[in-house]
Amino acid sequence: MSDYTFIEPDAAHAAKTFMDKGYILQPVEDMQALNAIRACAAEHAAVALGRGIPEDIDAFLNGFHEYISVDELNGVRLSVIEALNRQTWLRPAYFALARNAIYSIVGNELAMQRRVNLSIQLPDDQSSILPVHADVWSGDSPFEIVLWVPLVDCHDTKSMYLTPPGPDRKIQNNMSSDFKGSSEEDLFAAIENDVEWMNVPYGHVLVFSQTLMHGNRVNEEPETRWSMNCRFKSLFSPYADKRLGEFFEPITMRAVTEMALDYNLPQGFGDE
């Protein structure tokens, strides 16, 4: 009888990995969904450039810097984001990429960010640095996780970095005394030897805690980075500045919860 546990063995393993590393990196759970998302992004990027639909999507995305300047990039990126989020299938397909992993570490009644984001980082683009930060510093709840999905192979400076939980908590716990008046570059210099560059090949996903310091640097690789990100949280965990109905939307509410929210306790039997 001692083999019984509350948490399923696979979920327990995922939870330990997440707690130890601050992230889960695993093969995508629905490759057909990922291929459809990537094809949609490539098609709309090509349209924005006035080009035909690329036959070799991987080569087109990796070589995107050959077709566009840094000044033109953000306008095209925003048009692709808009086109992707117009697809009614996009958010369910995106969730399907890591459904079980998210269930394992967050729960099965979830809220999902209403819009999926896209990052495009050209080689040597000095303007695309995302300074070291934790999302909780700017209004995100610590109960959120980020599902980060590359549309090309991402590695080294063509990817993002994440600070492991041990060094991260040591720095954050003393930040007000050790880094008062310091710049973001000062902070990065302090964690540079500890950060882990996320090597995530196409066909894999990264699920990480946005309470950990992370960011990117100038892409020194000869290819363009394409990656998407979206936040998930337990539907009934605390929210911060990004609220339910505004930034988040329920996606997996269960029947008992739905019935309970509609229930009204009979009135009129109180003090008379």
Foldseek 3Di string as FASTA:
>chain_A
DVPDDPADPVLVVLQVCCQQFQKDKFFFQDVVLLVVLLQLLQCQLCVVLVHHRDPPSQCCQFAVCVRDDPVCPVVSQVSSQVSQLVDPCNVVSLCSRQVPSCCSHFNQWKKKFSGKHKDKAAAQDQPRWWFKDFVVVPWWDQQKKKKKAWSAFAWDLLAKKWAGPPVQCVCVVCVCPPAPVHDSVVVCVVCVVRIDGDGHGHRMIMIGGSRTIMIHGRHNDNTMTMMMMIMMHRPPDDGTNQDEPRGIDTDRDDDVVVVVVVDDDDDDPDDD
